[in-house]
Amino acid sequence: MAPQAISTLPDSNPLNQAVREAGLALLALQMPELRGIPDSKDERDAIESLEAVADIVDNAVLSIGRELRSFFGHDIDLSLFTNQLLGALDGNAFSVIPRAARSVAADYVADRYPYHEAAE
């Protein structure tokens, strides 16, 4: 199905409402600007930004799950619609970002100060 322009008009379909609200919230997000040498603030900003994206998407997925449970019946376990993106990012992207930041910092120190040992 081809995407359509986002409308702020009311829609009686709760699935459309959930997706529209998520889309508008994602459009409103201000992501951090990544410039210069990465540091701990960049690391925190990146993780916080991904958490904000996950919060928006996960809320939409949970809303959709609630509608599906209402429509199909109580055999749908809402825990399967809860924090799915956050769960995927946690332990994956959230663990690689700090490692990458430490690696870049170590590379910078090694390049800039070749006789200085970077702290791990």
C-alpha atoms as a PDB file:
ATOM      1  CA  MET A   1       0.000   0.000   0.000  1.00  0.00           C
ATOM      2  CA  ALA A   2       1.439   3.374  -1.023  1.00  0.00           C
ATOM      3  CA  PRO A   3       1.955   5.933   1.751  1.00  0.00           C
ATOM      4  CA  GLN A   4      -0.337   8.931   1.713  1.00  0.00           C
ATOM      5  CA  ALA A   5       0.252  12.456   2.922  1.00  0.00           C
ATOM      6  CA  ILE A   6      -0.077  12.839   6.675  1.00  0.00           C
ATOM      7  CA  SER A   7      -3.320  14.488   7.634  1.00  0.00           C
ATOM      8  CA  THR A   8      -4.208  16.079  10.920  1.00  0.00           C
ATOM      9  CA  LEU A   9      -7.896  15.537  10.160  1.00  0.00           C
ATOM     10  CA  PRO A  10      -9.729  13.147  12.469  1.00  0.00           C
ATOM     11  CA  ASP A  11      -9.963   9.566  11.263  1.00  0.00           C
ATOM     12  CA  SER A  12     -12.433   7.058  12.621  1.00  0.00           C
ATOM     13  CA  ASN A  13      -9.981   4.198  12.029  1.00  0.00           C
ATOM     14  CA  PRO A  14      -7.951   3.845  15.267  1.00  0.00           C
ATOM     15  CA  LEU A  15      -5.125   2.080  13.418  1.00  0.00           C
ATOM     16  CA  ASN A  16      -4.743   5.091  11.128  1.00  0.00           C
ATOM     17  CA  GLN A  17      -4.883   7.387  14.154  1.00  0.00           C
ATOM     18  CA  ALA A  18      -2.075   5.494  15.881  1.00  0.00           C
ATOM     19  CA  VAL A  19       0.137   5.628  12.810  1.00  0.00           C
ATOM     20  CA  ARG A  20      -0.629   9.298  12.110  1.00  0.00           C
ATOM     21  CA  GLU A  21       0.115  10.309  15.688  1.00  0.00           C
ATOM     22  CA  ALA A  22       3.410   8.432  15.551  1.00  0.00           C
ATOM     23  CA  GLY A  23       4.278  10.025  12.215  1.00  0.00           C
ATOM     24  CA  LEU A  24       3.571  13.516  13.470  1.00  0.00           C
ATOM     25  CA  ALA A  25       5.552  12.872  16.650  1.00  0.00           C
ATOM     26  CA  LEU A  26       8.497  11.547  14.610  1.00  0.00           C
ATOM     27  CA  LEU A  27       8.355  14.605  12.357  1.00  0.00           C
ATOM     28  CA  ALA A  28       8.509  16.844  15.427  1.00  0.00           C
ATOM     29  CA  LEU A  29      11.615  15.155  16.859  1.00  0.00           C
ATOM     30  CA  GLN A  30      14.795  17.175  16.824  1.00  0.00           C
ATOM     31  CA  MET A  31      17.706  14.827  16.387  1.00  0.00           C
ATOM     32  CA  PRO A  32      21.185  15.772  17.636  1.00  0.00           C
ATOM     33  CA  GLU A  33      23.688  17.210  15.238  1.00  0.00           C
ATOM     34  CA  LEU A  34      26.805  15.055  15.047  1.00  0.00           C
ATOM     35  CA  ARG A  35      29.894  17.164  14.458  1.00  0.00           C
ATOM     36  CA  GLY A  36      33.487  17.166  15.480  1.00  0.00           C
ATOM     37  CA  ILE A  37      35.090  14.479  17.592  1.00  0.00           C
ATOM     38  CA  PRO A  38      32.541  12.200  19.261  1.00  0.00           C
ATOM     39  CA  ASP A  39      32.414  12.488  23.026  1.00  0.00           C
ATOM     40  CA  SER A  40      30.251  11.254  25.895  1.00  0.00           C
ATOM     41  CA  LYS A  41      27.623  13.942  25.218  1.00  0.00           C
ATOM     42  CA  ASP A  42      27.263  12.705  21.634  1.00  0.00           C
ATOM     43  CA  GLU A  43      26.926   9.175  22.974  1.00  0.00           C
ATOM     44  CA  ARG A  44      24.175  10.204  25.417  1.00  0.00           C
ATOM     45  CA  ASP A  45      22.412  12.319  22.778  1.00  0.00           C
ATOM     46  CA  ALA A  46      22.416   9.447  20.288  1.00  0.00           C
ATOM     47  CA  ILE A  47      21.000   6.982  22.810  1.00  0.00           C
ATOM     48  CA  GLU A  48      18.388   9.457  24.091  1.00  0.00           C
ATOM     49  CA  SER A  49      17.308  10.208  20.526  1.00  0.00           C
ATOM     50  CA  LEU A  50      16.896   6.524  19.736  1.00  0.00           C
ATOM     51  CA  GLU A  51      14.940   6.105  22.975  1.00  0.00           C
ATOM     52  CA  ALA A  52      12.627   8.933  21.878  1.00  0.00           C
ATOM     53  CA  VAL A  53      12.079   7.271  18.494  1.00  0.00           C
ATOM     54  CA  ALA A  54      11.443   3.926  20.196  1.00  0.00           C
ATOM     55  CA  ASP A  55       8.954   5.511  22.600  1.00  0.00           C
ATOM     56  CA  ILE A  56       6.936   6.940  19.724  1.00  0.00           C
ATOM     57  CA  VAL A  57       7.007   3.772  17.635  1.00  0.00           C
ATOM     58  CA  ASP A  58       6.385   1.494  20.616  1.00  0.00           C
ATOM     59  CA  ASN A  59       3.357   3.546  21.659  1.00  0.00           C
ATOM     60  CA  ALA A  60       1.940   3.182  18.149  1.00  0.00           C
ATOM     61  CA  VAL A  61       2.594  -0.569  18.130  1.00  0.00           C
ATOM     62  CA  LEU A  62       0.923  -0.947  21.533  1.00  0.00           C
ATOM     63  CA  SER A  63      -2.088   1.083  20.360  1.00  0.00           C
ATOM     64  CA  ILE A  64      -2.369  -1.142  17.323  1.00  0.00           C
ATOM     65  CA  GLY A  65      -2.044  -4.225  19.536  1.00  0.00           C
ATOM     66  CA  ARG A  66      -4.866  -2.989  21.760  1.00  0.00           C
ATOM     67  CA  GLU A  67      -7.092  -2.493  18.722  1.00  0.00           C
ATOM     68  CA  LEU A  68      -6.212  -5.931  17.391  1.00  0.00           C
ATOM     69  CA  ARG A  69      -6.985  -7.515  20.755  1.00  0.00           C
ATOM     70  CA  SER A  70     -10.282  -5.670  20.855  1.00  0.00           C
ATOM     71  CA  PHE A  71     -11.111  -6.832  17.343  1.00  0.00           C
ATOM     72  CA  PHE A  72      -9.821 -10.422  17.443  1.00  0.00           C
ATOM     73  CA  GLY A  73     -10.395 -11.165  21.101  1.00  0.00           C
ATOM     74  CA  HIS A  74      -8.427 -11.649  24.254  1.00  0.00           C
ATOM     75  CA  ASP A  75      -6.101 -14.299  22.824  1.00  0.00           C
ATOM     76  CA  ILE A  76      -3.706 -11.517  21.838  1.00  0.00           C
ATOM     77  CA  ASP A  77      -1.026 -10.986  24.491  1.00  0.00           C
ATOM     78  CA  LEU A  78      -0.296  -7.258  24.705  1.00  0.00           C
ATOM     79  CA  SER A  79       3.169  -7.916  26.091  1.00  0.00           C
ATOM     80  CA  LEU A  80       4.065  -8.952  22.528  1.00  0.00           C
ATOM     81  CA  PHE A  81       3.196  -5.398  21.420  1.00  0.00           C
ATOM     82  CA  THR A  82       5.009  -3.663  24.281  1.00  0.00           C
ATOM     83  CA  ASN A  83       8.427  -1.987  23.949  1.00  0.00           C
ATOM     84  CA  GLN A  84       9.340  -3.985  20.874  1.00  0.00           C
ATOM     85  CA  LEU A  85      11.663  -1.398  19.313  1.00  0.00           C
ATOM     86  CA  LEU A  86      13.146  -0.395  22.652  1.00  0.00           C
ATOM     87  CA  GLY A  87      13.816  -4.060  23.391  1.00  0.00           C
ATOM     88  CA  ALA A  88      15.532  -4.487  20.041  1.00  0.00           C
ATOM     89  CA  LEU A  89      17.712  -1.422  20.526  1.00  0.00           C
ATOM     90  CA  ASP A  90      18.589  -2.235  24.118  1.00  0.00           C
ATOM     91  CA  GLY A  91      21.574  -4.518  24.063  1.00  0.00           C
ATOM     92  CA  ASN A  92      22.171  -3.940  20.354  1.00  0.00           C
ATOM     93  CA  ALA A  93      22.457  -0.308  19.267  1.00  0.00           C
ATOM     94  CA  PHE A  94      22.611   0.872  22.869  1.00  0.00           C
ATOM     95  CA  SER A  95      25.673  -1.284  23.511  1.00  0.00           C
ATOM     96  CA  VAL A  96      27.517  -0.579  20.259  1.00  0.00           C
ATOM     97  CA  ILE A  97      27.236   3.230  20.522  1.00  0.00           C
ATOM     98  CA  PRO A  98      29.366   3.508  23.709  1.00  0.00           C
ATOM     99  CA  ARG A  99      31.927   1.036  22.285  1.00  0.00           C
ATOM    100  CA  ALA A 100      32.158   3.049  19.070  1.00  0.00           C
ATOM    101  CA  ALA A 101      32.533   6.298  21.020  1.00  0.00           C
ATOM    102  CA  ARG A 102      35.361   4.822  23.126  1.00  0.00           C
ATOM    103  CA  SER A 103      37.043   3.461  20.000  1.00  0.00           C
ATOM    104  CA  VAL A 104      36.921   6.810  18.210  1.00  0.00           C
ATOM    105  CA  ALA A 105      38.232   8.586  21.312  1.00  0.00           C
ATOM    106  CA  ALA A 106      41.089   6.079  21.574  1.00  0.00           C
ATOM    107  CA  ASP A 107      41.890   6.463  17.866  1.00  0.00           C
ATOM    108  CA  TYR A 108      41.883  10.241  18.233  1.00  0.00           C
ATOM    109  CA  VAL A 109      44.257  10.124  21.187  1.00  0.00           C
ATOM    110  CA  ALA A 110      46.524   7.642  19.381  1.00  0.00           C
ATOM    111  CA  ASP A 111      46.610   9.788  16.220  1.00  0.00           C
ATOM    112  CA  ARG A 112      47.000  13.083  18.029  1.00  0.00           C
ATOM    113  CA  TYR A 113      49.317  11.898  20.804  1.00  0.00           C
ATOM    114  CA  PRO A 114      51.103   8.795  19.463  1.00  0.00           C
ATOM    115  CA  TYR A 115      53.133   8.298  22.653  1.00  0.00           C
ATOM    116  CA  HIS A 116      50.116   8.531  24.956  1.00  0.00           C
ATOM    117  CA  GLU A 117      48.261   5.338  25.836  1.00  0.00           C
ATOM    118  CA  ALA A 118      44.497   5.801  25.616  1.00  0.00           C
ATOM    119  CA  ALA A 119      42.619   4.722  28.745  1.00  0.00           C
ATOM    120  CA  GLU A 120      40.155   1.903  28.191  1.00  0.00           C
END
